[in-house]
Amino acid sequence: MAETFLVAIVDQDREDLALAIAAEEGGADGTVMHGAGLGFPDHMTFLGVTYQGRESVCIWELDEERAERIARRLNLELDLLQPYNGLAFTLDAQALAGMQFVGAPAQP
């Protein structure tokens, strides 16, 4: 079974929903990091002040089939395929350098 990282970048207002969708599919114990969406063009202003959305980056280590199933659900149910809504995608864990799996022996 190939290990895969599922990465979802969502608005912080949708973070709980993203975590709930993943948990429903057996993807508990993800890692969440918070940041600001500085890479997006300005798309909302209020009284001359530009809103820069707060984003959450959620990462799970899963088997490939489960990761792809959750990514599809996140993209569809959170409407992440629309501009500026976020993104969910998978990465092959074996192709990443510098990552060590929990419980895996250290590599020299």
N, C-alpha and C. Protein backbone atom coordinates (compact mmCIF):
# COMPACT_ATOMS: atom_id res chain seq x y z
N MET A 1 0.85 -1.17 0.00
CA MET A 1 0.00 0.00 0.00
C MET A 1 0.90 1.24 0.00
N ALA A 2 0.75 2.08 -1.01
CA ALA A 2 1.59 3.26 -1.15
C ALA A 2 1.13 4.36 -0.20
N GLU A 3 2.09 4.96 0.50
CA GLU A 3 1.78 6.08 1.38
C GLU A 3 1.71 7.36 0.56
N THR A 4 0.73 8.19 0.87
CA THR A 4 0.47 9.41 0.12
C THR A 4 0.16 10.53 1.10
N PHE A 5 0.58 11.73 0.76
CA PHE A 5 0.20 12.90 1.53
C PHE A 5 -0.97 13.58 0.82
N LEU A 6 -2.01 13.86 1.57
CA LEU A 6 -3.12 14.65 1.08
C LEU A 6 -2.93 16.06 1.63
N VAL A 7 -2.95 17.04 0.75
CA VAL A 7 -2.78 18.44 1.14
C VAL A 7 -4.04 19.19 0.71
N ALA A 8 -4.65 19.90 1.65
CA ALA A 8 -5.81 20.73 1.33
C ALA A 8 -5.54 22.14 1.83
N ILE A 9 -5.73 23.10 0.95
CA ILE A 9 -5.59 24.51 1.30
C ILE A 9 -6.99 25.10 1.22
N VAL A 10 -7.50 25.50 2.38
CA VAL A 10 -8.89 25.98 2.45
C VAL A 10 -8.95 27.25 3.29
N ASP A 11 -10.01 28.00 3.09
CA ASP A 11 -10.29 29.16 3.93
C ASP A 11 -10.48 28.68 5.36
N GLN A 12 -10.00 29.44 6.33
CA GLN A 12 -10.12 29.00 7.72
C GLN A 12 -11.57 28.79 8.14
N ASP A 13 -12.50 29.46 7.49
CA ASP A 13 -13.91 29.26 7.81
C ASP A 13 -14.39 27.87 7.40
N ARG A 14 -13.68 27.22 6.49
CA ARG A 14 -14.06 25.88 6.01
C ARG A 14 -13.16 24.78 6.59
N GLU A 15 -12.23 25.16 7.45
CA GLU A 15 -11.28 24.19 8.01
C GLU A 15 -11.99 23.05 8.73
N ASP A 16 -12.95 23.37 9.60
CA ASP A 16 -13.65 22.33 10.36
C ASP A 16 -14.40 21.38 9.43
N LEU A 17 -14.99 21.90 8.38
CA LEU A 17 -15.70 21.05 7.42
C LEU A 17 -14.73 20.13 6.69
N ALA A 18 -13.56 20.66 6.31
CA ALA A 18 -12.55 19.84 5.64
C ALA A 18 -12.08 18.71 6.56
N LEU A 19 -11.84 19.03 7.82
CA LEU A 19 -11.41 18.01 8.78
C LEU A 19 -12.51 16.97 9.00
N ALA A 20 -13.77 17.40 9.03
CA ALA A 20 -14.88 16.48 9.22
C ALA A 20 -15.03 15.54 8.02
N ILE A 21 -14.89 16.06 6.81
CA ILE A 21 -14.97 15.22 5.61
C ILE A 21 -13.87 14.17 5.63
N ALA A 22 -12.66 14.60 5.96
CA ALA A 22 -11.53 13.65 6.02
C ALA A 22 -11.78 12.59 7.09
N ALA A 23 -12.28 13.00 8.26
CA ALA A 23 -12.53 12.06 9.34
C ALA A 23 -13.59 11.03 8.96
N GLU A 24 -14.63 11.46 8.23
CA GLU A 24 -15.67 10.55 7.76
C GLU A 24 -15.09 9.44 6.88
N GLU A 25 -14.02 9.76 6.16
CA GLU A 25 -13.39 8.80 5.25
C GLU A 25 -12.21 8.09 5.89
N GLY A 26 -12.02 8.27 7.20
CA GLY A 26 -10.93 7.59 7.90
C GLY A 26 -9.63 8.36 7.91
N GLY A 27 -9.68 9.65 7.62
CA GLY A 27 -8.48 10.49 7.59
C GLY A 27 -8.37 11.37 8.81
N ALA A 28 -8.34 10.77 9.98
CA ALA A 28 -8.18 11.55 11.21
C ALA A 28 -6.70 11.89 11.40
N ASP A 29 -6.40 12.67 12.42
CA ASP A 29 -5.02 12.98 12.80
C ASP A 29 -4.23 13.72 11.73
N GLY A 30 -4.85 14.71 11.12
CA GLY A 30 -4.12 15.53 10.17
C GLY A 30 -3.37 16.65 10.89
N THR A 31 -2.51 17.31 10.17
CA THR A 31 -1.77 18.47 10.69
C THR A 31 -2.35 19.71 10.04
N VAL A 32 -2.59 20.75 10.84
CA VAL A 32 -3.17 22.00 10.33
C VAL A 32 -2.21 23.14 10.61
N MET A 33 -1.95 23.94 9.58
CA MET A 33 -1.13 25.14 9.71
C MET A 33 -1.95 26.33 9.21
N HIS A 34 -1.81 27.47 9.85
CA HIS A 34 -2.56 28.66 9.47
C HIS A 34 -1.64 29.67 8.79
N GLY A 35 -2.20 30.41 7.84
CA GLY A 35 -1.42 31.43 7.14
C GLY A 35 -2.35 32.43 6.49
N ALA A 36 -1.76 33.35 5.76
CA ALA A 36 -2.52 34.37 5.04
C ALA A 36 -2.39 34.13 3.55
N GLY A 37 -3.47 34.38 2.83
CA GLY A 37 -3.49 34.15 1.38
C GLY A 37 -2.85 35.27 0.60
N LEU A 38 -1.57 35.46 0.78
CA LEU A 38 -0.87 36.58 0.13
C LEU A 38 -0.63 36.34 -1.35
N GLY A 39 -0.73 35.10 -1.82
CA GLY A 39 -0.44 34.79 -3.21
C GLY A 39 -1.60 35.09 -4.15
N PHE A 40 -2.78 35.36 -3.61
CA PHE A 40 -3.93 35.63 -4.45
C PHE A 40 -4.03 37.12 -4.75
N PRO A 41 -4.55 37.47 -5.92
CA PRO A 41 -4.77 38.89 -6.18
C PRO A 41 -5.84 39.43 -5.23
N ASP A 42 -5.79 40.74 -4.99
CA ASP A 42 -6.80 41.36 -4.13
C ASP A 42 -8.17 41.13 -4.75
N HIS A 43 -9.11 40.62 -3.98
CA HIS A 43 -10.42 40.38 -4.55
C HIS A 43 -11.57 40.90 -3.69
N MET A 44 -11.25 41.57 -2.59
CA MET A 44 -12.31 42.18 -1.80
C MET A 44 -11.73 43.35 -1.02
N THR A 45 -12.42 44.47 -1.08
CA THR A 45 -12.02 45.62 -0.27
C THR A 45 -13.24 46.14 0.46
N PHE A 46 -12.99 46.77 1.59
CA PHE A 46 -14.05 47.36 2.39
C PHE A 46 -13.53 48.69 2.89
N LEU A 47 -14.15 49.77 2.46
CA LEU A 47 -13.73 51.12 2.83
C LEU A 47 -12.25 51.35 2.54
N GLY A 48 -11.81 50.83 1.41
CA GLY A 48 -10.43 51.03 0.99
C GLY A 48 -9.43 50.09 1.62
N VAL A 49 -9.86 49.19 2.51
CA VAL A 49 -8.97 48.23 3.14
C VAL A 49 -9.12 46.89 2.42
N THR A 50 -8.02 46.34 1.96
CA THR A 50 -8.06 45.08 1.23
C THR A 50 -8.08 43.91 2.20
N TYR A 51 -9.00 42.99 1.95
CA TYR A 51 -9.10 41.78 2.76
C TYR A 51 -8.14 40.72 2.21
N GLN A 52 -7.27 40.23 3.04
CA GLN A 52 -6.40 39.11 2.67
C GLN A 52 -6.84 37.94 3.54
N GLY A 53 -7.47 36.97 2.91
CA GLY A 53 -8.07 35.87 3.63
C GLY A 53 -7.09 35.06 4.46
N ARG A 54 -7.59 34.46 5.51
CA ARG A 54 -6.82 33.56 6.36
C ARG A 54 -7.04 32.15 5.82
N GLU A 55 -5.95 31.45 5.57
CA GLU A 55 -6.01 30.12 4.98
C GLU A 55 -5.53 29.07 5.97
N SER A 56 -6.00 27.86 5.78
CA SER A 56 -5.52 26.71 6.54
C SER A 56 -4.93 25.71 5.56
N VAL A 57 -3.78 25.19 5.89
CA VAL A 57 -3.16 24.12 5.12
C VAL A 57 -3.27 22.87 5.98
N CYS A 58 -4.01 21.88 5.48
CA CYS A 58 -4.25 20.64 6.21
C CYS A 58 -3.50 19.52 5.48
N ILE A 59 -2.76 18.71 6.24
CA ILE A 59 -1.96 17.64 5.65
C ILE A 59 -2.25 16.34 6.40
N TRP A 60 -2.50 15.27 5.62
CA TRP A 60 -2.71 13.93 6.19
C TRP A 60 -1.77 12.95 5.50
N GLU A 61 -1.31 11.96 6.23
CA GLU A 61 -0.55 10.85 5.67
C GLU A 61 -1.51 9.66 5.60
N LEU A 62 -1.80 9.20 4.38
CA LEU A 62 -2.83 8.18 4.17
C LEU A 62 -2.39 7.19 3.10
N ASP A 63 -3.17 6.11 2.97
CA ASP A 63 -2.94 5.24 1.82
C ASP A 63 -3.47 5.96 0.58
N GLU A 64 -2.94 5.59 -0.57
CA GLU A 64 -3.22 6.32 -1.81
C GLU A 64 -4.70 6.39 -2.15
N GLU A 65 -5.40 5.27 -2.04
CA GLU A 65 -6.82 5.23 -2.41
C GLU A 65 -7.64 6.16 -1.52
N ARG A 66 -7.41 6.10 -0.22
CA ARG A 66 -8.15 6.95 0.72
C ARG A 66 -7.84 8.43 0.48
N ALA A 67 -6.57 8.76 0.24
CA ALA A 67 -6.17 10.15 0.01
C ALA A 67 -6.85 10.72 -1.23
N GLU A 68 -6.89 9.94 -2.30
CA GLU A 68 -7.53 10.41 -3.54
C GLU A 68 -9.04 10.55 -3.37
N ARG A 69 -9.65 9.64 -2.62
CA ARG A 69 -11.10 9.71 -2.37
C ARG A 69 -11.43 10.98 -1.55
N ILE A 70 -10.65 11.26 -0.53
CA ILE A 70 -10.89 12.45 0.29
C ILE A 70 -10.63 13.72 -0.52
N ALA A 71 -9.58 13.73 -1.33
CA ALA A 71 -9.28 14.91 -2.16
C ALA A 71 -10.44 15.21 -3.10
N ARG A 72 -11.00 14.17 -3.72
CA ARG A 72 -12.15 14.38 -4.61
C ARG A 72 -13.33 14.98 -3.85
N ARG A 73 -13.62 14.43 -2.66
CA ARG A 73 -14.73 14.96 -1.86
C ARG A 73 -14.48 16.41 -1.45
N LEU A 74 -13.27 16.71 -1.02
CA LEU A 74 -12.96 18.09 -0.62
C LEU A 74 -13.13 19.04 -1.79
N ASN A 75 -12.58 18.67 -2.94
CA ASN A 75 -12.68 19.54 -4.12
C ASN A 75 -14.14 19.77 -4.52
N LEU A 76 -14.97 18.73 -4.45
CA LEU A 76 -16.37 18.86 -4.85
C LEU A 76 -17.23 19.53 -3.77
N GLU A 77 -17.16 19.04 -2.54
CA GLU A 77 -18.06 19.51 -1.50
C GLU A 77 -17.71 20.91 -0.98
N LEU A 78 -16.44 21.28 -1.05
CA LEU A 78 -16.03 22.62 -0.63
C LEU A 78 -15.87 23.57 -1.82
N ASP A 79 -16.20 23.07 -3.02
CA ASP A 79 -16.14 23.87 -4.25
C ASP A 79 -14.73 24.44 -4.47
N LEU A 80 -13.72 23.62 -4.21
CA LEU A 80 -12.34 24.09 -4.28
C LEU A 80 -11.81 24.26 -5.70
N LEU A 81 -12.55 23.78 -6.68
CA LEU A 81 -12.09 23.92 -8.06
C LEU A 81 -12.40 25.28 -8.65
N GLN A 82 -13.15 26.10 -7.92
CA GLN A 82 -13.44 27.46 -8.35
C GLN A 82 -12.29 28.39 -7.93
N PRO A 83 -12.02 29.45 -8.71
CA PRO A 83 -10.92 30.35 -8.37
C PRO A 83 -11.03 30.91 -6.96
N TYR A 84 -9.89 30.94 -6.27
CA TYR A 84 -9.72 31.52 -4.95
C TYR A 84 -10.43 30.77 -3.82
N ASN A 85 -10.93 29.56 -4.09
CA ASN A 85 -11.61 28.79 -3.05
C ASN A 85 -10.68 27.83 -2.33
N GLY A 86 -9.54 27.54 -2.89
CA GLY A 86 -8.60 26.61 -2.29
C GLY A 86 -8.24 25.49 -3.25
N LEU A 87 -7.72 24.40 -2.68
CA LEU A 87 -7.25 23.30 -3.50
C LEU A 87 -6.99 22.09 -2.62
N ALA A 88 -7.26 20.90 -3.14
CA ALA A 88 -6.90 19.66 -2.46
C ALA A 88 -6.18 18.78 -3.48
N PHE A 89 -5.04 18.21 -3.08
CA PHE A 89 -4.26 17.38 -4.00
C PHE A 89 -3.45 16.37 -3.19
N THR A 90 -2.90 15.38 -3.90
CA THR A 90 -2.11 14.34 -3.24
C THR A 90 -0.67 14.38 -3.75
N LEU A 91 0.24 13.92 -2.89
CA LEU A 91 1.67 13.82 -3.22
C LEU A 91 2.15 12.42 -2.86
N ASP A 92 2.89 11.79 -3.76
CA ASP A 92 3.47 10.49 -3.48
C ASP A 92 4.55 10.65 -2.42
N ALA A 93 4.37 10.01 -1.29
CA ALA A 93 5.29 10.18 -0.17
C ALA A 93 6.69 9.67 -0.51
N GLN A 94 6.81 8.67 -1.36
CA GLN A 94 8.12 8.12 -1.70
C GLN A 94 8.93 9.09 -2.57
N ALA A 95 8.25 10.06 -3.19
CA ALA A 95 8.94 11.01 -4.05
C ALA A 95 9.38 12.27 -3.30
N LEU A 96 9.10 12.33 -2.00
CA LEU A 96 9.45 13.50 -1.20
C LEU A 96 10.71 13.23 -0.41
N ALA A 97 11.58 14.20 -0.34
CA ALA A 97 12.81 14.09 0.44
C ALA A 97 12.62 14.79 1.78
N GLY A 98 13.25 14.25 2.81
CA GLY A 98 13.23 14.91 4.11
C GLY A 98 12.03 14.58 4.97
N MET A 99 11.18 13.66 4.54
CA MET A 99 10.00 13.28 5.32
C MET A 99 10.24 11.92 5.94
N GLN A 100 9.85 11.74 7.18
CA GLN A 100 9.97 10.44 7.84
C GLN A 100 8.62 10.08 8.42
N PHE A 101 8.18 8.85 8.18
CA PHE A 101 6.89 8.39 8.65
C PHE A 101 6.97 8.03 10.13
N VAL A 102 5.89 8.24 10.82
CA VAL A 102 5.82 7.88 12.23
C VAL A 102 6.03 6.37 12.35
N GLY A 103 6.95 5.97 13.23
CA GLY A 103 7.22 4.56 13.44
C GLY A 103 8.18 3.95 12.45
N ALA A 104 8.59 4.68 11.41
CA ALA A 104 9.52 4.16 10.42
C ALA A 104 10.94 4.31 10.94
N PRO A 105 11.81 3.35 10.63
CA PRO A 105 13.20 3.49 11.07
C PRO A 105 13.86 4.66 10.35
N ALA A 106 14.77 5.33 11.04
CA ALA A 106 15.49 6.45 10.44
C ALA A 106 16.40 5.95 9.33
N GLN A 107 16.45 6.71 8.26
CA GLN A 107 17.31 6.40 7.12
C GLN A 107 18.66 7.07 7.30
N PRO A 108 19.75 6.38 6.97
CA PRO A 108 21.08 7.00 7.12
C PRO A 108 21.29 8.13 6.13
